[in-house]
C-alpha atoms as a PDB file:
ATOM      1  CA  MET A   1      55.114 205.843 149.477  1.00  0.00           C
ATOM      2  CA  THR A   2      55.163 206.537 145.944  1.00  0.00           C
ATOM      3  CA  ASP A   3      58.360 208.405 144.381  1.00  0.00           C
ATOM      4  CA  VAL A   4      58.044 210.968 141.851  1.00  0.00           C
ATOM      5  CA  VAL A   5      60.878 211.236 138.910  1.00  0.00           C
ATOM      6  CA  ASP A   6      61.427 213.264 135.948  1.00  0.00           C
ATOM      7  CA  SER A   7      61.750 212.118 132.729  1.00  0.00           C
ATOM      8  CA  ASP A   8      65.308 212.302 132.778  1.00  0.00           C
ATOM      9  CA  GLU A   9      65.811 209.702 135.836  1.00  0.00           C
ATOM     10  CA  LEU A  10      62.987 207.360 134.347  1.00  0.00           C
ATOM     11  CA  LEU A  11      65.155 207.180 131.135  1.00  0.00           C
ATOM     12  CA  ARG A  12      68.512 206.247 133.291  1.00  0.00           C
ATOM     13  CA  ARG A  13      66.552 203.600 135.187  1.00  0.00           C
ATOM     14  CA  MET A  14      65.341 201.796 131.739  1.00  0.00           C
ATOM     15  CA  HIS A  15      68.797 202.198 130.635  1.00  0.00           C
ATOM     16  CA  ARG A  16      70.118 200.407 133.771  1.00  0.00           C
ATOM     17  CA  ALA A  17      67.391 197.840 133.429  1.00  0.00           C
ATOM     18  CA  ARG A  18      68.765 197.463 129.994  1.00  0.00           C
ATOM     19  CA  ALA A  19      72.495 196.810 130.764  1.00  0.00           C
ATOM     20  CA  CYS A  20      71.002 194.516 133.393  1.00  0.00           C
ATOM     21  CA  ALA A  21      68.883 192.582 131.051  1.00  0.00           C
ATOM     22  CA  VAL A  22      72.054 192.579 128.318  1.00  0.00           C
ATOM     23  CA  GLU A  23      74.138 191.049 131.378  1.00  0.00           C
ATOM     24  CA  GLU A  24      71.598 188.249 132.367  1.00  0.00           C
ATOM     25  CA  GLY A  25      71.326 187.179 128.815  1.00  0.00           C
ATOM     26  CA  ARG A  26      74.624 186.521 128.377  1.00  0.00           C
ATOM     27  CA  HIS A  27      74.906 185.086 131.900  1.00  0.00           C
ATOM     28  CA  TRP A  28      72.471 182.572 131.118  1.00  0.00           C
ATOM     29  CA  ARG A  29      73.367 181.997 127.738  1.00  0.00           C
ATOM     30  CA  SER A  30      76.622 180.848 128.892  1.00  0.00           C
ATOM     31  CA  ARG A  31      75.148 178.741 131.617  1.00  0.00           C
ATOM     32  CA  SER A  32      73.121 177.065 128.920  1.00  0.00           C
ATOM     33  CA  GLU A  33      75.888 176.212 127.011  1.00  0.00           C
ATOM     34  CA  GLU A  34      78.027 175.116 130.026  1.00  0.00           C
ATOM     35  CA  LEU A  35      74.827 172.401 131.029  1.00  0.00           C
ATOM     36  CA  ARG A  36      74.385 171.442 127.596  1.00  0.00           C
ATOM     37  CA  THR A  37      76.315 168.165 127.875  1.00  0.00           C
ATOM     38  CA  THR A  38      76.186 167.469 131.685  1.00  0.00           C
ATOM     39  CA  ASP A  39      72.445 168.834 132.758  1.00  0.00           C
ATOM     40  CA  PRO A  40      70.212 168.768 130.136  1.00  0.00           C
ATOM     41  CA  GLN A  41      66.736 169.716 132.137  1.00  0.00           C
ATOM     42  CA  GLY A  42      68.871 172.600 133.755  1.00  0.00           C
ATOM     43  CA  SER A  43      70.797 173.711 130.067  1.00  0.00           C
ATOM     44  CA  GLN A  44      67.001 173.901 128.806  1.00  0.00           C
ATOM     45  CA  GLU A  45      65.830 176.084 132.070  1.00  0.00           C
ATOM     46  CA  ALA A  46      68.972 178.583 131.688  1.00  0.00           C
ATOM     47  CA  ALA A  47      67.821 178.615 127.952  1.00  0.00           C
ATOM     48  CA  VAL A  48      64.318 179.685 128.867  1.00  0.00           C
ATOM     49  CA  ARG A  49      65.432 182.451 130.806  1.00  0.00           C
ATOM     50  CA  THR A  50      67.895 183.678 128.295  1.00  0.00           C
ATOM     51  CA  VAL A  51      64.920 183.870 125.937  1.00  0.00           C
ATOM     52  CA  ALA A  52      62.816 186.132 129.068  1.00  0.00           C
ATOM     53  CA  TYR A  53      66.071 188.327 128.853  1.00  0.00           C
ATOM     54  CA  GLU A  54      66.076 188.510 125.371  1.00  0.00           C
ATOM     55  CA  ALA A  55      62.342 189.479 125.317  1.00  0.00           C
ATOM     56  CA  VAL A  56      62.740 192.078 127.525  1.00  0.00           C
ATOM     57  CA  LEU A  57      65.719 193.825 125.714  1.00  0.00           C
ATOM     58  CA  ARG A  58      63.632 194.016 122.810  1.00  0.00           C
ATOM     59  CA  VAL A  59      61.203 196.022 124.575  1.00  0.00           C
ATOM     60  CA  LEU A  60      63.692 198.138 126.418  1.00  0.00           C
ATOM     61  CA  ASP A  61      64.960 198.875 122.976  1.00  0.00           C
ATOM     62  CA  GLU A  62      62.230 199.794 121.255  1.00  0.00           C
ATOM     63  CA  VAL A  63      60.936 202.089 124.335  1.00  0.00           C
ATOM     64  CA  LEU A  64      64.199 203.900 124.065  1.00  0.00           C
ATOM     65  CA  THR A  65      65.011 203.720 120.468  1.00  0.00           C
ATOM     66  CA  PRO A  66      61.745 203.424 118.439  1.00  0.00           C
ATOM     67  CA  GLY A  67      61.865 202.121 115.441  1.00  0.00           C
ATOM     68  CA  ARG A  68      65.380 201.476 115.366  1.00  0.00           C
ATOM     69  CA  THR A  69      65.310 197.686 116.114  1.00  0.00           C
ATOM     70  CA  PRO A  70      64.493 195.039 113.702  1.00  0.00           C
ATOM     71  CA  GLY A  71      60.883 193.808 113.657  1.00  0.00           C
END
């Protein structure tokens, strides 16, 4: 079954998704740094995840605040 949400709820969900992307990006960035010397492959995988969350963050920033983010 599909939920019908109003625009305010959709906006709240996008803000929560943005906050989650920020937190996950921080987590994977620090994980990448932690693993840099002991596990280079794990560090690289964490860095890839960091980039993915940064991309999600850029998209959500553009949706939530169009034109405010640098291109």
